[in-house]
């Protein structure tokens, strides 16, 4: 009989094994499962001799296409619809942060133009 490890850590986040992920995505080979996770940007964590993934990372990836289709098909009330479907408010909030996180673009250099020639050079560089 295999010894089961507690699938929660001190923060209450659950772990999911590669075997459990394989069952969800219909893969059996551990190397294929690892490649699938890495290709999708899901981080693998090693505990003792086994690899695990945070269940929340896997769930966010799996539900994201559904939420994107909801947003595309119901642009006015997709958030209310998704909130009615999802059971956990924390997961709902995390998905909203994950979807609506736009990188903030701040200028890194301030350019002071001193002549018309400087303006001409700036326009050539910007084009």
N, C-alpha and C. Protein backbone atom coordinates (compact mmCIF):
# COMPACT_ATOMS: atom_id res chain seq x y z
N UNK A 1 0.83 -1.17 0.00
CA UNK A 1 0.00 0.00 0.00
C UNK A 1 0.88 1.25 0.00
N UNK A 2 0.61 2.15 -0.91
CA UNK A 2 1.41 3.37 -0.99
C UNK A 2 1.04 4.31 0.14
N UNK A 3 2.05 4.95 0.66
CA UNK A 3 1.81 5.93 1.71
C UNK A 3 1.43 7.26 1.07
N UNK A 4 0.30 7.78 1.45
CA UNK A 4 -0.18 9.07 0.92
C UNK A 4 0.45 10.21 1.71
N UNK A 5 0.87 11.24 1.04
CA UNK A 5 1.41 12.39 1.73
C UNK A 5 0.31 13.43 1.86
N UNK A 6 0.36 14.18 2.90
CA UNK A 6 -0.63 15.24 3.12
C UNK A 6 -0.53 16.22 1.96
N UNK A 7 -1.64 16.45 1.27
CA UNK A 7 -1.57 17.28 0.06
C UNK A 7 -1.83 18.76 0.35
N UNK A 8 -1.59 19.19 1.57
CA UNK A 8 -1.69 20.61 1.90
C UNK A 8 -0.39 21.06 2.54
N UNK A 9 -0.04 22.31 2.31
CA UNK A 9 1.12 22.85 2.99
C UNK A 9 0.63 23.81 4.08
N UNK A 10 1.54 24.53 4.68
CA UNK A 10 1.18 25.40 5.80
C UNK A 10 0.27 26.56 5.41
N UNK A 11 0.18 26.90 4.13
CA UNK A 11 -0.69 28.00 3.70
C UNK A 11 -2.09 27.52 3.33
N UNK A 12 -2.30 26.20 3.31
CA UNK A 12 -3.60 25.67 2.95
C UNK A 12 -3.74 25.39 1.46
N UNK A 13 -2.70 25.70 0.68
CA UNK A 13 -2.74 25.40 -0.74
C UNK A 13 -2.53 23.91 -0.95
N UNK A 14 -3.28 23.33 -1.86
CA UNK A 14 -3.19 21.90 -2.11
C UNK A 14 -2.19 21.59 -3.21
N UNK A 15 -1.53 20.44 -3.06
CA UNK A 15 -0.65 19.92 -4.10
C UNK A 15 -1.42 18.89 -4.91
N UNK A 16 -1.01 18.71 -6.16
CA UNK A 16 -1.55 17.66 -7.00
C UNK A 16 -0.37 16.92 -7.63
N UNK A 17 -0.43 15.60 -7.64
CA UNK A 17 0.68 14.81 -8.15
C UNK A 17 0.64 14.75 -9.68
N UNK A 18 1.76 14.34 -10.27
CA UNK A 18 1.81 14.20 -11.72
C UNK A 18 0.85 13.12 -12.20
N UNK A 19 0.65 12.09 -11.40
CA UNK A 19 -0.30 11.03 -11.76
C UNK A 19 -1.72 11.58 -11.83
N UNK A 20 -2.09 12.40 -10.85
CA UNK A 20 -3.42 13.00 -10.85
C UNK A 20 -3.61 13.95 -12.04
N UNK A 21 -2.56 14.69 -12.37
CA UNK A 21 -2.63 15.57 -13.53
C UNK A 21 -2.76 14.74 -14.81
N UNK A 22 -2.00 13.66 -14.89
CA UNK A 22 -2.09 12.76 -16.04
C UNK A 22 -3.49 12.22 -16.23
N UNK A 23 -4.16 11.89 -15.14
CA UNK A 23 -5.54 11.42 -15.22
C UNK A 23 -6.46 12.50 -15.79
N UNK A 24 -6.21 13.74 -15.41
CA UNK A 24 -7.05 14.86 -15.88
C UNK A 24 -6.83 15.16 -17.36
N UNK A 25 -5.59 15.06 -17.82
CA UNK A 25 -5.28 15.45 -19.21
C UNK A 25 -5.08 14.24 -20.13
N UNK A 26 -5.36 13.04 -19.61
CA UNK A 26 -5.28 11.80 -20.38
C UNK A 26 -3.88 11.50 -20.91
N UNK A 27 -2.90 11.65 -20.04
CA UNK A 27 -1.52 11.25 -20.34
C UNK A 27 -1.07 10.28 -19.26
N UNK A 28 -0.24 9.31 -19.62
CA UNK A 28 0.24 8.33 -18.64
C UNK A 28 1.74 8.43 -18.39
N UNK A 29 2.49 8.80 -19.39
CA UNK A 29 3.94 8.85 -19.28
C UNK A 29 4.36 10.07 -18.45
N UNK A 30 5.10 9.87 -17.36
CA UNK A 30 5.52 11.00 -16.52
C UNK A 30 6.32 12.07 -17.28
N UNK A 31 7.14 11.64 -18.24
CA UNK A 31 7.90 12.61 -19.03
C UNK A 31 6.96 13.47 -19.88
N UNK A 32 5.93 12.85 -20.44
CA UNK A 32 4.95 13.60 -21.24
C UNK A 32 4.18 14.59 -20.37
N UNK A 33 3.85 14.17 -19.16
CA UNK A 33 3.12 15.05 -18.24
C UNK A 33 3.99 16.24 -17.86
N UNK A 34 5.26 15.98 -17.55
CA UNK A 34 6.18 17.08 -17.21
C UNK A 34 6.32 18.05 -18.37
N UNK A 35 6.48 17.51 -19.59
CA UNK A 35 6.61 18.36 -20.77
C UNK A 35 5.35 19.19 -20.97
N UNK A 36 4.19 18.59 -20.79
CA UNK A 36 2.92 19.29 -20.93
C UNK A 36 2.86 20.46 -19.95
N UNK A 37 3.24 20.22 -18.71
CA UNK A 37 3.22 21.27 -17.68
C UNK A 37 4.21 22.39 -18.00
N UNK A 38 5.41 22.02 -18.38
CA UNK A 38 6.46 23.00 -18.66
C UNK A 38 6.08 23.85 -19.87
N UNK A 39 5.53 23.20 -20.92
CA UNK A 39 5.11 23.94 -22.12
C UNK A 39 4.03 24.97 -21.82
N UNK A 40 3.25 24.73 -20.79
CA UNK A 40 2.17 25.65 -20.44
C UNK A 40 2.53 26.61 -19.31
N UNK A 41 3.77 26.56 -18.87
CA UNK A 41 4.24 27.50 -17.86
C UNK A 41 3.78 27.19 -16.45
N UNK A 42 3.39 25.95 -16.20
CA UNK A 42 2.97 25.54 -14.85
C UNK A 42 4.21 25.02 -14.13
N UNK A 43 4.50 25.61 -12.99
CA UNK A 43 5.74 25.31 -12.26
C UNK A 43 5.65 23.98 -11.52
N UNK A 44 6.68 23.17 -11.68
CA UNK A 44 6.81 21.91 -10.95
C UNK A 44 7.60 22.17 -9.67
N UNK A 45 7.16 21.54 -8.58
CA UNK A 45 7.86 21.65 -7.29
C UNK A 45 8.26 20.27 -6.85
N UNK A 46 9.44 20.15 -6.30
CA UNK A 46 9.94 18.85 -5.87
C UNK A 46 9.89 18.76 -4.35
N UNK A 47 9.24 17.72 -3.86
CA UNK A 47 9.21 17.41 -2.43
C UNK A 47 9.74 16.00 -2.27
N UNK A 48 10.77 15.84 -1.49
CA UNK A 48 11.49 14.58 -1.35
C UNK A 48 11.86 14.08 -2.74
N UNK A 49 11.36 12.94 -3.16
CA UNK A 49 11.75 12.42 -4.47
C UNK A 49 10.65 12.55 -5.52
N UNK A 50 9.54 13.21 -5.19
CA UNK A 50 8.42 13.32 -6.11
C UNK A 50 8.18 14.76 -6.52
N UNK A 51 7.58 14.92 -7.69
CA UNK A 51 7.23 16.25 -8.19
C UNK A 51 5.75 16.50 -7.99
N UNK A 52 5.44 17.72 -7.63
CA UNK A 52 4.07 18.14 -7.41
C UNK A 52 3.84 19.48 -8.08
N UNK A 53 2.57 19.82 -8.22
CA UNK A 53 2.17 21.12 -8.76
C UNK A 53 1.10 21.65 -7.81
N UNK A 54 1.09 22.97 -7.62
CA UNK A 54 0.00 23.55 -6.84
C UNK A 54 -1.29 23.39 -7.64
N UNK A 55 -2.32 22.88 -6.99
CA UNK A 55 -3.61 22.63 -7.65
C UNK A 55 -4.19 23.93 -8.21
N UNK A 56 -3.98 25.03 -7.54
CA UNK A 56 -4.51 26.31 -7.99
C UNK A 56 -3.90 26.72 -9.34
N UNK A 57 -2.60 26.45 -9.54
CA UNK A 57 -1.95 26.76 -10.82
C UNK A 57 -2.57 25.94 -11.94
N UNK A 58 -2.77 24.65 -11.68
CA UNK A 58 -3.36 23.76 -12.67
C UNK A 58 -4.80 24.17 -12.97
N UNK A 59 -5.59 24.45 -11.94
CA UNK A 59 -6.99 24.84 -12.13
C UNK A 59 -7.12 26.15 -12.90
N UNK A 60 -6.25 27.11 -12.61
CA UNK A 60 -6.28 28.38 -13.36
C UNK A 60 -6.04 28.14 -14.84
N UNK A 61 -5.07 27.28 -15.15
CA UNK A 61 -4.78 27.01 -16.56
C UNK A 61 -5.96 26.29 -17.24
N UNK A 62 -6.54 25.32 -16.55
CA UNK A 62 -7.63 24.53 -17.14
C UNK A 62 -8.89 25.38 -17.35
N UNK A 63 -9.21 26.28 -16.43
CA UNK A 63 -10.44 27.08 -16.55
C UNK A 63 -10.30 28.32 -17.41
N UNK A 64 -9.09 28.74 -17.69
CA UNK A 64 -8.88 29.98 -18.43
C UNK A 64 -9.57 30.00 -19.80
N UNK A 65 -9.51 28.93 -20.62
CA UNK A 65 -10.21 28.99 -21.91
C UNK A 65 -11.72 29.17 -21.77
N UNK A 66 -12.31 28.55 -20.75
CA UNK A 66 -13.74 28.72 -20.51
C UNK A 66 -14.08 30.16 -20.17
N UNK A 67 -13.28 30.75 -19.29
CA UNK A 67 -13.52 32.14 -18.88
C UNK A 67 -13.32 33.08 -20.06
N UNK A 68 -12.32 32.83 -20.88
CA UNK A 68 -12.09 33.67 -22.06
C UNK A 68 -13.25 33.57 -23.05
N UNK A 69 -13.82 32.37 -23.22
CA UNK A 69 -14.97 32.24 -24.11
C UNK A 69 -16.20 32.92 -23.52
N UNK A 70 -16.35 32.86 -22.20
CA UNK A 70 -17.44 33.58 -21.55
C UNK A 70 -17.31 35.07 -21.78
N UNK A 71 -16.09 35.59 -21.66
CA UNK A 71 -15.82 37.01 -21.85
C UNK A 71 -16.07 37.42 -23.31
N UNK A 72 -15.70 36.55 -24.23
CA UNK A 72 -15.90 36.84 -25.65
C UNK A 72 -17.39 36.80 -26.03
N UNK A 73 -18.14 35.82 -25.52
CA UNK A 73 -19.54 35.64 -25.89
C UNK A 73 -20.50 36.54 -25.12
N UNK A 74 -20.12 36.98 -23.94
CA UNK A 74 -20.98 37.82 -23.10
C UNK A 74 -20.18 38.99 -22.55
N UNK A 75 -19.81 39.93 -23.39
CA UNK A 75 -18.89 40.99 -22.95
C UNK A 75 -19.44 41.87 -21.83
N UNK A 76 -20.74 41.98 -21.69
CA UNK A 76 -21.29 42.90 -20.68
C UNK A 76 -21.41 42.28 -19.30
N UNK A 77 -21.71 41.00 -19.22
CA UNK A 77 -21.95 40.41 -17.89
C UNK A 77 -21.21 39.10 -17.66
N UNK A 78 -20.05 38.94 -18.29
CA UNK A 78 -19.32 37.69 -18.16
C UNK A 78 -18.81 37.46 -16.73
N UNK A 79 -18.46 38.54 -16.03
CA UNK A 79 -17.96 38.37 -14.66
C UNK A 79 -19.05 37.84 -13.74
N UNK A 80 -20.26 38.37 -13.88
CA UNK A 80 -21.38 37.91 -13.04
C UNK A 80 -21.70 36.45 -13.34
N UNK A 81 -21.64 36.09 -14.62
CA UNK A 81 -21.91 34.71 -15.01
C UNK A 81 -20.87 33.77 -14.43
N UNK A 82 -19.60 34.14 -14.52
CA UNK A 82 -18.54 33.29 -13.99
C UNK A 82 -18.63 33.20 -12.47
N UNK A 83 -18.94 34.30 -11.82
CA UNK A 83 -19.07 34.29 -10.36
C UNK A 83 -20.19 33.36 -9.92
N UNK A 84 -21.27 33.28 -10.71
CA UNK A 84 -22.37 32.37 -10.39
C UNK A 84 -21.96 30.91 -10.56
N UNK A 85 -21.00 30.65 -11.42
CA UNK A 85 -20.57 29.27 -11.69
C UNK A 85 -19.52 28.79 -10.70
N UNK A 86 -18.55 29.64 -10.40
CA UNK A 86 -17.42 29.22 -9.56
C UNK A 86 -17.86 29.16 -8.09
N UNK A 87 -17.34 28.16 -7.38
CA UNK A 87 -17.74 27.94 -5.99
C UNK A 87 -16.97 28.80 -4.99
N UNK A 88 -15.75 29.12 -5.32
CA UNK A 88 -14.84 29.74 -4.37
C UNK A 88 -14.58 31.20 -4.75
N UNK A 89 -14.88 32.13 -3.83
CA UNK A 89 -14.66 33.55 -4.09
C UNK A 89 -13.17 33.86 -4.29
N UNK A 90 -12.32 33.18 -3.54
CA UNK A 90 -10.88 33.41 -3.66
C UNK A 90 -10.40 33.00 -5.05
N UNK A 91 -10.90 31.89 -5.56
CA UNK A 91 -10.52 31.44 -6.90
C UNK A 91 -11.03 32.42 -7.95
N UNK A 92 -12.25 32.90 -7.77
CA UNK A 92 -12.82 33.89 -8.69
C UNK A 92 -11.94 35.13 -8.73
N UNK A 93 -11.57 35.66 -7.57
CA UNK A 93 -10.73 36.85 -7.50
C UNK A 93 -9.36 36.62 -8.13
N UNK A 94 -8.79 35.45 -7.90
CA UNK A 94 -7.48 35.13 -8.48
C UNK A 94 -7.57 35.04 -10.00
N UNK A 95 -8.65 34.46 -10.51
CA UNK A 95 -8.82 34.37 -11.96
C UNK A 95 -8.98 35.77 -12.56
N UNK A 96 -9.71 36.65 -11.89
CA UNK A 96 -9.87 38.01 -12.39
C UNK A 96 -8.53 38.74 -12.43
N UNK A 97 -7.73 38.56 -11.40
CA UNK A 97 -6.39 39.16 -11.39
C UNK A 97 -5.53 38.57 -12.50
N UNK A 98 -5.64 37.29 -12.68
CA UNK A 98 -4.83 36.60 -13.69
C UNK A 98 -5.20 37.06 -15.10
N UNK A 99 -6.48 37.28 -15.37
CA UNK A 99 -6.93 37.66 -16.71
C UNK A 99 -6.72 39.14 -17.01
N UNK A 100 -6.90 39.98 -16.03
CA UNK A 100 -6.88 41.42 -16.27
C UNK A 100 -5.57 42.08 -15.90
N UNK A 101 -4.55 41.32 -15.71
CA UNK A 101 -3.27 41.88 -15.34
C UNK A 101 -2.57 42.37 -16.60
N UNK A 102 -2.58 43.65 -16.79
CA UNK A 102 -1.89 44.26 -17.92
C UNK A 102 -0.57 44.83 -17.42
N UNK A 103 0.49 44.62 -18.19
CA UNK A 103 1.75 45.20 -17.75
C UNK A 103 1.69 46.71 -17.78
N UNK A 104 2.22 47.32 -16.75
CA UNK A 104 2.24 48.78 -16.67
C UNK A 104 3.49 49.24 -17.39
N UNK A 105 3.28 50.04 -18.40
CA UNK A 105 4.41 50.53 -19.18
C UNK A 105 4.74 51.95 -18.76
N UNK A 106 5.88 52.08 -18.15
CA UNK A 106 6.35 53.38 -17.70
C UNK A 106 7.56 53.77 -18.55
N UNK A 107 7.67 55.04 -18.89
CA UNK A 107 8.86 55.44 -19.64
C UNK A 107 10.11 55.27 -18.79
N UNK A 108 11.14 54.81 -19.43
CA UNK A 108 12.37 54.60 -18.68
C UNK A 108 13.36 55.74 -18.86
N UNK A 109 13.19 56.49 -19.94
CA UNK A 109 14.10 57.59 -20.21
C UNK A 109 13.30 58.81 -20.63
N UNK A 110 13.63 59.94 -20.08
CA UNK A 110 13.00 61.18 -20.48
C UNK A 110 13.91 61.86 -21.50
N UNK A 111 13.32 62.20 -22.63
CA UNK A 111 14.09 62.81 -23.71
C UNK A 111 13.80 64.30 -23.74
N UNK A 112 14.84 65.09 -23.70
CA UNK A 112 14.72 66.54 -23.82
C UNK A 112 15.31 66.96 -25.16
N UNK A 113 14.47 67.54 -25.99
CA UNK A 113 14.92 67.96 -27.31
C UNK A 113 15.46 69.39 -27.23
N UNK A 114 16.61 69.59 -27.83
CA UNK A 114 17.23 70.92 -27.77
C UNK A 114 17.22 71.63 -29.10
N UNK A 115 16.98 70.90 -30.18
CA UNK A 115 16.99 71.54 -31.50
C UNK A 115 16.05 70.80 -32.44
N UNK A 116 15.85 71.38 -33.62
CA UNK A 116 15.03 70.73 -34.64
C UNK A 116 15.70 69.45 -35.14
N UNK A 117 17.01 69.45 -35.14
CA UNK A 117 17.76 68.26 -35.56
C UNK A 117 17.49 67.11 -34.59
N UNK A 118 17.45 67.40 -33.28
CA UNK A 118 17.13 66.38 -32.29
C UNK A 118 15.72 65.81 -32.54
N UNK A 119 14.78 66.69 -32.86
CA UNK A 119 13.41 66.26 -33.14
C UNK A 119 13.38 65.35 -34.36
N UNK A 120 14.15 65.69 -35.38
CA UNK A 120 14.21 64.90 -36.60
C UNK A 120 14.79 63.51 -36.31
N UNK A 121 15.82 63.46 -35.52
CA UNK A 121 16.44 62.18 -35.16
C UNK A 121 15.47 61.33 -34.34
N UNK A 122 14.77 61.97 -33.42
CA UNK A 122 13.78 61.24 -32.58
C UNK A 122 12.68 60.65 -33.44
N UNK A 123 12.19 61.40 -34.41
CA UNK A 123 11.14 60.89 -35.29
C UNK A 123 11.63 59.72 -36.15
N UNK A 124 12.87 59.76 -36.57
CA UNK A 124 13.43 58.66 -37.35
C UNK A 124 13.56 57.39 -36.48
N UNK A 125 13.96 57.58 -35.24
CA UNK A 125 14.10 56.44 -34.34
C UNK A 125 12.75 55.86 -33.95
N UNK A 126 11.76 56.71 -33.80
CA UNK A 126 10.43 56.25 -33.40
C UNK A 126 9.69 55.54 -34.53
N UNK A 127 10.07 55.80 -35.76
CA UNK A 127 9.37 55.20 -36.91
C UNK A 127 9.70 53.75 -37.11
